[in-house]
Amino acid sequence: MVREVYQPPTVTEAKQQLRTAFANTEYFGFIKKHPLELAGASLLAGILFGKFNKGQLSPGLLGLAAQLLKRI
C-alpha cells in the first residue's frame, strides 16, 4: 500500500490560488443591489445620530427610520 505524500504548492501556484479566490469575492455586492435604500438609511442614520447627540430627536424621524429599514 503506497501513500502519496502531500506536496505544498509552489509560491507561484499559491499566488495564483489567492488571486483566483480574491477575484471571486464580492465585498460590495449588497450595496450594488440596494444603492438607494442604503444611501437613504445612511443619511437618516447620520441625521438621527446628530439629533440624538443634541437631545432633539423627534418622533417623526423614528417613523421614517422604521419605513426605510422595512425596505432593506
PDB file of N, CA and C in Angstrom:
ATOM      1  N   MET A   1       0.842  -1.171   0.000  1.00  0.00           N
ATOM      2  CA  MET A   1       0.000   0.000   0.000  1.00  0.00           C
ATOM      3  C   MET A   1       0.890   1.238   0.000  1.00  0.00           C
ATOM      4  N   VAL A   2       0.786   2.031  -1.052  1.00  0.00           N
ATOM      5  CA  VAL A   2       1.628   3.218  -1.199  1.00  0.00           C
ATOM      6  C   VAL A   2       0.761   4.454  -0.972  1.00  0.00           C
ATOM      7  N   ARG A   3       1.244   5.328  -0.131  1.00  0.00           N
ATOM      8  CA  ARG A   3       0.517   6.558   0.173  1.00  0.00           C
ATOM      9  C   ARG A   3       1.252   7.738  -0.457  1.00  0.00           C
ATOM     10  N   GLU A   4       0.492   8.617  -1.086  1.00  0.00           N
ATOM     11  CA  GLU A   4       1.113   9.796  -1.676  1.00  0.00           C
ATOM     12  C   GLU A   4       1.393  10.825  -0.596  1.00  0.00           C
ATOM     13  N   VAL A   5       2.530  11.446  -0.689  1.00  0.00           N
ATOM     14  CA  VAL A   5       2.934  12.462   0.275  1.00  0.00           C
ATOM     15  C   VAL A   5       2.416  13.814  -0.208  1.00  0.00           C
ATOM     16  N   TYR A   6       1.886  14.586   0.729  1.00  0.00           N
ATOM     17  CA  TYR A   6       1.360  15.918   0.389  1.00  0.00           C
ATOM     18  C   TYR A   6       2.508  16.834  -0.003  1.00  0.00           C
ATOM     19  N   GLN A   7       2.355  17.449  -1.140  1.00  0.00           N
ATOM     20  CA  GLN A   7       3.329  18.426  -1.618  1.00  0.00           C
ATOM     21  C   GLN A   7       2.674  19.802  -1.580  1.00  0.00           C
ATOM     22  N   PRO A   8       3.177  20.718  -0.773  1.00  0.00           N
ATOM     23  CA  PRO A   8       2.583  22.056  -0.751  1.00  0.00           C
ATOM     24  C   PRO A   8       2.781  22.745  -2.102  1.00  0.00           C
ATOM     25  N   PRO A   9       1.865  23.628  -2.447  1.00  0.00           N
ATOM     26  CA  PRO A   9       2.008  24.302  -3.748  1.00  0.00           C
ATOM     27  C   PRO A   9       3.232  25.215  -3.755  1.00  0.00           C
ATOM     28  N   THR A  10       3.712  25.454  -4.940  1.00  0.00           N
ATOM     29  CA  THR A  10       4.835  26.380  -5.073  1.00  0.00           C
ATOM     30  C   THR A  10       4.334  27.795  -4.827  1.00  0.00           C
ATOM     31  N   VAL A  11       5.238  28.728  -4.742  1.00  0.00           N
ATOM     32  CA  VAL A  11       4.865  30.121  -4.476  1.00  0.00           C
ATOM     33  C   VAL A  11       3.987  30.657  -5.604  1.00  0.00           C
ATOM     34  N   THR A  12       4.327  30.357  -6.829  1.00  0.00           N
ATOM     35  CA  THR A  12       3.513  30.847  -7.960  1.00  0.00           C
ATOM     36  C   THR A  12       2.122  30.236  -7.953  1.00  0.00           C
ATOM     37  N   GLU A  13       2.022  28.961  -7.644  1.00  0.00           N
ATOM     38  CA  GLU A  13       0.707  28.314  -7.579  1.00  0.00           C
ATOM     39  C   GLU A  13      -0.128  28.897  -6.434  1.00  0.00           C
ATOM     40  N   ALA A  14       0.517  29.129  -5.291  1.00  0.00           N
ATOM     41  CA  ALA A  14      -0.200  29.696  -4.152  1.00  0.00           C
ATOM     42  C   ALA A  14      -0.685  31.110  -4.462  1.00  0.00           C
ATOM     43  N   LYS A  15       0.144  31.896  -5.124  1.00  0.00           N
ATOM     44  CA  LYS A  15      -0.268  33.253  -5.513  1.00  0.00           C
ATOM     45  C   LYS A  15      -1.439  33.197  -6.490  1.00  0.00           C
ATOM     46  N   GLN A  16      -1.407  32.266  -7.414  1.00  0.00           N
ATOM     47  CA  GLN A  16      -2.491  32.144  -8.388  1.00  0.00           C
ATOM     48  C   GLN A  16      -3.785  31.729  -7.693  1.00  0.00           C
ATOM     49  N   GLN A  17      -3.710  30.830  -6.726  1.00  0.00           N
ATOM     50  CA  GLN A  17      -4.903  30.425  -5.974  1.00  0.00           C
ATOM     51  C   GLN A  17      -5.470  31.602  -5.191  1.00  0.00           C
ATOM     52  N   LEU A  18      -4.596  32.407  -4.606  1.00  0.00           N
ATOM     53  CA  LEU A  18      -5.031  33.573  -3.855  1.00  0.00           C
ATOM     54  C   LEU A  18      -5.694  34.604  -4.766  1.00  0.00           C
ATOM     55  N   ARG A  19      -5.103  34.838  -5.919  1.00  0.00           N
ATOM     56  CA  ARG A  19      -5.697  35.788  -6.876  1.00  0.00           C
ATOM     57  C   ARG A  19      -7.065  35.312  -7.359  1.00  0.00           C
ATOM     58  N   THR A  20      -7.198  34.025  -7.600  1.00  0.00           N
ATOM     59  CA  THR A  20      -8.481  33.468  -8.029  1.00  0.00           C
ATOM     60  C   THR A  20      -9.534  33.618  -6.941  1.00  0.00           C
ATOM     61  N   ALA A  21      -9.162  33.320  -5.714  1.00  0.00           N
ATOM     62  CA  ALA A  21     -10.108  33.453  -4.599  1.00  0.00           C
ATOM     63  C   ALA A  21     -10.496  34.909  -4.391  1.00  0.00           C
ATOM     64  N   PHE A  22      -9.560  35.832  -4.532  1.00  0.00           N
ATOM     65  CA  PHE A  22      -9.849  37.254  -4.354  1.00  0.00           C
ATOM     66  C   PHE A  22     -10.740  37.781  -5.467  1.00  0.00           C
ATOM     67  N   ALA A  23     -10.547  37.287  -6.683  1.00  0.00           N
ATOM     68  CA  ALA A  23     -11.363  37.743  -7.812  1.00  0.00           C
ATOM     69  C   ALA A  23     -12.812  37.294  -7.660  1.00  0.00           C
ATOM     70  N   ASN A  24     -13.053  36.177  -6.987  1.00  0.00           N
ATOM     71  CA  ASN A  24     -14.409  35.659  -6.818  1.00  0.00           C
ATOM     72  C   ASN A  24     -15.129  36.268  -5.623  1.00  0.00           C
ATOM     73  N   THR A  25     -14.445  37.083  -4.827  1.00  0.00           N
ATOM     74  CA  THR A  25     -15.037  37.684  -3.634  1.00  0.00           C
ATOM     75  C   THR A  25     -15.663  39.017  -3.993  1.00  0.00           C
ATOM     76  N   GLU A  26     -16.912  39.194  -3.640  1.00  0.00           N
ATOM     77  CA  GLU A  26     -17.641  40.432  -3.916  1.00  0.00           C
ATOM     78  C   GLU A  26     -18.005  41.088  -2.587  1.00  0.00           C
ATOM     79  N   TYR A  27     -17.219  42.092  -2.189  1.00  0.00           N
ATOM     80  CA  TYR A  27     -17.443  42.737  -0.906  1.00  0.00           C
ATOM     81  C   TYR A  27     -18.622  43.703  -0.924  1.00  0.00           C
ATOM     82  N   PHE A  28     -18.845  44.365  -2.030  1.00  0.00           N
ATOM     83  CA  PHE A  28     -19.871  45.389  -2.099  1.00  0.00           C
ATOM     84  C   PHE A  28     -21.101  44.925  -2.868  1.00  0.00           C
ATOM     85  N   GLY A  29     -21.359  43.644  -2.897  1.00  0.00           N
ATOM     86  CA  GLY A  29     -22.498  43.102  -3.636  1.00  0.00           C
ATOM     87  C   GLY A  29     -23.825  43.588  -3.096  1.00  0.00           C
ATOM     88  N   PHE A  30     -23.971  43.637  -1.775  1.00  0.00           N
ATOM     89  CA  PHE A  30     -25.220  44.098  -1.177  1.00  0.00           C
ATOM     90  C   PHE A  30     -25.450  45.572  -1.476  1.00  0.00           C
ATOM     91  N   ILE A  31     -24.384  46.360  -1.465  1.00  0.00           N
ATOM     92  CA  ILE A  31     -24.506  47.794  -1.757  1.00  0.00           C
ATOM     93  C   ILE A  31     -24.876  47.997  -3.227  1.00  0.00           C
ATOM     94  N   LYS A  32     -24.320  47.201  -4.111  1.00  0.00           N
ATOM     95  CA  LYS A  32     -24.635  47.318  -5.533  1.00  0.00           C
ATOM     96  C   LYS A  32     -26.073  46.924  -5.826  1.00  0.00           C
ATOM     97  N   LYS A  33     -26.626  46.009  -5.028  1.00  0.00           N
ATOM     98  CA  LYS A  33     -28.008  45.578  -5.247  1.00  0.00           C
ATOM     99  C   LYS A  33     -29.015  46.591  -4.712  1.00  0.00           C
ATOM    100  N   HIS A  34     -28.690  47.298  -3.627  1.00  0.00           N
ATOM    101  CA  HIS A  34     -29.623  48.220  -2.973  1.00  0.00           C
ATOM    102  C   HIS A  34     -28.971  49.588  -2.724  1.00  0.00           C
ATOM    103  N   PRO A  35     -28.568  50.308  -3.775  1.00  0.00           N
ATOM    104  CA  PRO A  35     -27.839  51.557  -3.533  1.00  0.00           C
ATOM    105  C   PRO A  35     -28.700  52.673  -2.941  1.00  0.00           C
ATOM    106  N   LEU A  36     -29.913  52.838  -3.429  1.00  0.00           N
ATOM    107  CA  LEU A  36     -30.751  53.932  -2.946  1.00  0.00           C
ATOM    108  C   LEU A  36     -31.217  53.721  -1.518  1.00  0.00           C
ATOM    109  N   GLU A  37     -31.604  52.495  -1.206  1.00  0.00           N
ATOM    110  CA  GLU A  37     -32.057  52.213   0.149  1.00  0.00           C
ATOM    111  C   GLU A  37     -30.945  52.417   1.167  1.00  0.00           C
ATOM    112  N   LEU A  38     -29.736  51.964   0.831  1.00  0.00           N
ATOM    113  CA  LEU A  38     -28.626  52.113   1.762  1.00  0.00           C
ATOM    114  C   LEU A  38     -28.167  53.561   1.880  1.00  0.00           C
ATOM    115  N   ALA A  39     -28.239  54.315   0.783  1.00  0.00           N
ATOM    116  CA  ALA A  39     -27.893  55.736   0.873  1.00  0.00           C
ATOM    117  C   ALA A  39     -28.898  56.472   1.753  1.00  0.00           C
ATOM    118  N   GLY A  40     -30.175  56.171   1.594  1.00  0.00           N
ATOM    119  CA  GLY A  40     -31.195  56.790   2.432  1.00  0.00           C
ATOM    120  C   GLY A  40     -31.054  56.389   3.888  1.00  0.00           C
ATOM    121  N   ALA A  41     -30.757  55.121   4.125  1.00  0.00           N
ATOM    122  CA  ALA A  41     -30.591  54.650   5.502  1.00  0.00           C
ATOM    123  C   ALA A  41     -29.371  55.285   6.154  1.00  0.00           C
ATOM    124  N   SER A  42     -28.296  55.458   5.399  1.00  0.00           N
ATOM    125  CA  SER A  42     -27.106  56.080   5.978  1.00  0.00           C
ATOM    126  C   SER A  42     -27.335  57.561   6.240  1.00  0.00           C
ATOM    127  N   LEU A  43     -28.060  58.237   5.350  1.00  0.00           N
ATOM    128  CA  LEU A  43     -28.385  59.646   5.577  1.00  0.00           C
ATOM    129  C   LEU A  43     -29.270  59.793   6.810  1.00  0.00           C
ATOM    130  N   LEU A  44     -30.262  58.952   6.913  1.00  0.00           N
ATOM    131  CA  LEU A  44     -31.148  59.001   8.065  1.00  0.00           C
ATOM    132  C   LEU A  44     -30.399  58.657   9.354  1.00  0.00           C
ATOM    133  N   ALA A  45     -29.490  57.698   9.288  1.00  0.00           N
ATOM    134  CA  ALA A  45     -28.701  57.347  10.468  1.00  0.00           C
ATOM    135  C   ALA A  45     -27.836  58.526  10.903  1.00  0.00           C
ATOM    136  N   GLY A  46     -27.279  59.259   9.938  1.00  0.00           N
ATOM    137  CA  GLY A  46     -26.491  60.448  10.275  1.00  0.00           C
ATOM    138  C   GLY A  46     -27.338  61.521  10.919  1.00  0.00           C
ATOM    139  N   ILE A  47     -28.544  61.727  10.385  1.00  0.00           N
ATOM    140  CA  ILE A  47     -29.449  62.731  10.965  1.00  0.00           C
ATOM    141  C   ILE A  47     -29.859  62.313  12.373  1.00  0.00           C
ATOM    142  N   LEU A  48     -30.225  61.045  12.531  1.00  0.00           N
ATOM    143  CA  LEU A  48     -30.633  60.554  13.850  1.00  0.00           C
ATOM    144  C   LEU A  48     -29.487  60.641  14.852  1.00  0.00           C
ATOM    145  N   PHE A  49     -28.293  60.313  14.414  1.00  0.00           N
ATOM    146  CA  PHE A  49     -27.151  60.370  15.309  1.00  0.00           C
ATOM    147  C   PHE A  49     -26.872  61.809  15.741  1.00  0.00           C
ATOM    148  N   GLY A  50     -26.991  62.755  14.798  1.00  0.00           N
ATOM    149  CA  GLY A  50     -26.799  64.157  15.137  1.00  0.00           C
ATOM    150  C   GLY A  50     -27.870  64.670  16.087  1.00  0.00           C
ATOM    151  N   LYS A  51     -29.107  64.293  15.844  1.00  0.00           N
ATOM    152  CA  LYS A  51     -30.199  64.711  16.727  1.00  0.00           C
ATOM    153  C   LYS A  51     -30.108  64.031  18.090  1.00  0.00           C
ATOM    154  N   PHE A  52     -29.674  62.784  18.086  1.00  0.00           N
ATOM    155  CA  PHE A  52     -29.585  62.042  19.342  1.00  0.00           C
ATOM    156  C   PHE A  52     -28.526  62.657  20.259  1.00  0.00           C
ATOM    157  N   ASN A  53     -27.432  63.111  19.663  1.00  0.00           N
ATOM    158  CA  ASN A  53     -26.373  63.717  20.466  1.00  0.00           C
ATOM    159  C   ASN A  53     -26.827  65.048  21.060  1.00  0.00           C
ATOM    160  N   LYS A  54     -27.702  65.764  20.376  1.00  0.00           N
ATOM    161  CA  LYS A  54     -28.179  67.057  20.865  1.00  0.00           C
ATOM    162  C   LYS A  54     -29.410  66.907  21.754  1.00  0.00           C
ATOM    163  N   GLY A  55     -30.023  65.737  21.767  1.00  0.00           N
ATOM    164  CA  GLY A  55     -31.219  65.517  22.578  1.00  0.00           C
ATOM    165  C   GLY A  55     -32.469  66.086  21.953  1.00  0.00           C
ATOM    166  N   GLN A  56     -32.502  66.256  20.619  1.00  0.00           N
ATOM    167  CA  GLN A  56     -33.650  66.843  19.919  1.00  0.00           C
ATOM    168  C   GLN A  56     -34.308  65.846  18.976  1.00  0.00           C
ATOM    169  N   LEU A  57     -34.348  64.611  19.335  1.00  0.00           N
ATOM    170  CA  LEU A  57     -34.887  63.576  18.457  1.00  0.00           C
ATOM    171  C   LEU A  57     -36.409  63.672  18.401  1.00  0.00           C
ATOM    172  N   SER A  58     -36.950  63.858  17.187  1.00  0.00           N
ATOM    173  CA  SER A  58     -38.402  63.967  17.034  1.00  0.00           C
ATOM    174  C   SER A  58     -39.001  62.597  16.735  1.00  0.00           C
ATOM    175  N   PRO A  59     -40.230  62.349  17.169  1.00  0.00           N
ATOM    176  CA  PRO A  59     -40.863  61.044  16.906  1.00  0.00           C
ATOM    177  C   PRO A  59     -41.093  60.771  15.426  1.00  0.00           C
ATOM    178  N   GLY A  60     -41.228  61.803  14.605  1.00  0.00           N
ATOM    179  CA  GLY A  60     -41.437  61.603  13.173  1.00  0.00           C
ATOM    180  C   GLY A  60     -40.241  60.960  12.500  1.00  0.00           C
ATOM    181  N   LEU A  61     -39.037  61.262  12.977  1.00  0.00           N
ATOM    182  CA  LEU A  61     -37.848  60.657  12.391  1.00  0.00           C
ATOM    183  C   LEU A  61     -37.778  59.166  12.690  1.00  0.00           C
ATOM    184  N   LEU A  62     -38.296  58.769  13.836  1.00  0.00           N
ATOM    185  CA  LEU A  62     -38.299  57.344  14.149  1.00  0.00           C
ATOM    186  C   LEU A  62     -39.221  56.570  13.208  1.00  0.00           C
ATOM    187  N   GLY A  63     -40.370  57.148  12.860  1.00  0.00           N
ATOM    188  CA  GLY A  63     -41.267  56.511  11.909  1.00  0.00           C
ATOM    189  C   GLY A  63     -40.651  56.405  10.518  1.00  0.00           C
ATOM    190  N   LEU A  64     -39.953  57.471  10.117  1.00  0.00           N
ATOM    191  CA  LEU A  64     -39.265  57.460   8.819  1.00  0.00           C
ATOM    192  C   LEU A  64     -38.150  56.414   8.817  1.00  0.00           C
ATOM    193  N   ALA A  65     -37.439  56.294   9.910  1.00  0.00           N
ATOM    194  CA  ALA A  65     -36.387  55.283  10.014  1.00  0.00           C
ATOM    195  C   ALA A  65     -36.969  53.879   9.906  1.00  0.00           C
ATOM    196  N   ALA A  66     -38.085  53.662  10.558  1.00  0.00           N
ATOM    197  CA  ALA A  66     -38.724  52.339  10.506  1.00  0.00           C
ATOM    198  C   ALA A  66     -39.161  52.005   9.083  1.00  0.00           C
ATOM    199  N   GLN A  67     -39.703  52.984   8.362  1.00  0.00           N
ATOM    200  CA  GLN A  67     -40.136  52.736   6.974  1.00  0.00           C
ATOM    201  C   GLN A  67     -38.958  52.418   6.071  1.00  0.00           C
ATOM    202  N   LEU A  68     -37.846  53.122   6.261  1.00  0.00           N
ATOM    203  CA  LEU A  68     -36.658  52.847   5.441  1.00  0.00           C
ATOM    204  C   LEU A  68     -36.078  51.471   5.753  1.00  0.00           C
ATOM    205  N   LEU A  69     -36.060  51.112   7.008  1.00  0.00           N
ATOM    206  CA  LEU A  69     -35.495  49.829   7.380  1.00  0.00           C
ATOM    207  C   LEU A  69     -36.342  48.654   6.896  1.00  0.00           C
ATOM    208  N   LYS A  70     -37.635  48.882   6.701  1.00  0.00           N
ATOM    209  CA  LYS A  70     -38.501  47.825   6.176  1.00  0.00           C
ATOM    210  C   LYS A  70     -38.166  47.503   4.721  1.00  0.00           C
ATOM    211  N   ARG A  71     -37.667  48.491   3.986  1.00  0.00           N
ATOM    212  CA  ARG A  71     -37.341  48.290   2.566  1.00  0.00           C
ATOM    213  C   ARG A  71     -36.049  47.545   2.365  1.00  0.00           C
ATOM    214  N   ILE A  72     -35.207  47.515   3.364  1.00  0.00           N
ATOM    215  CA  ILE A  72     -33.889  46.860   3.212  1.00  0.00           C
ATOM    216  C   ILE A  72     -34.021  45.388   3.341  1.00  0.00           C
TER     217      ILE A  72
END
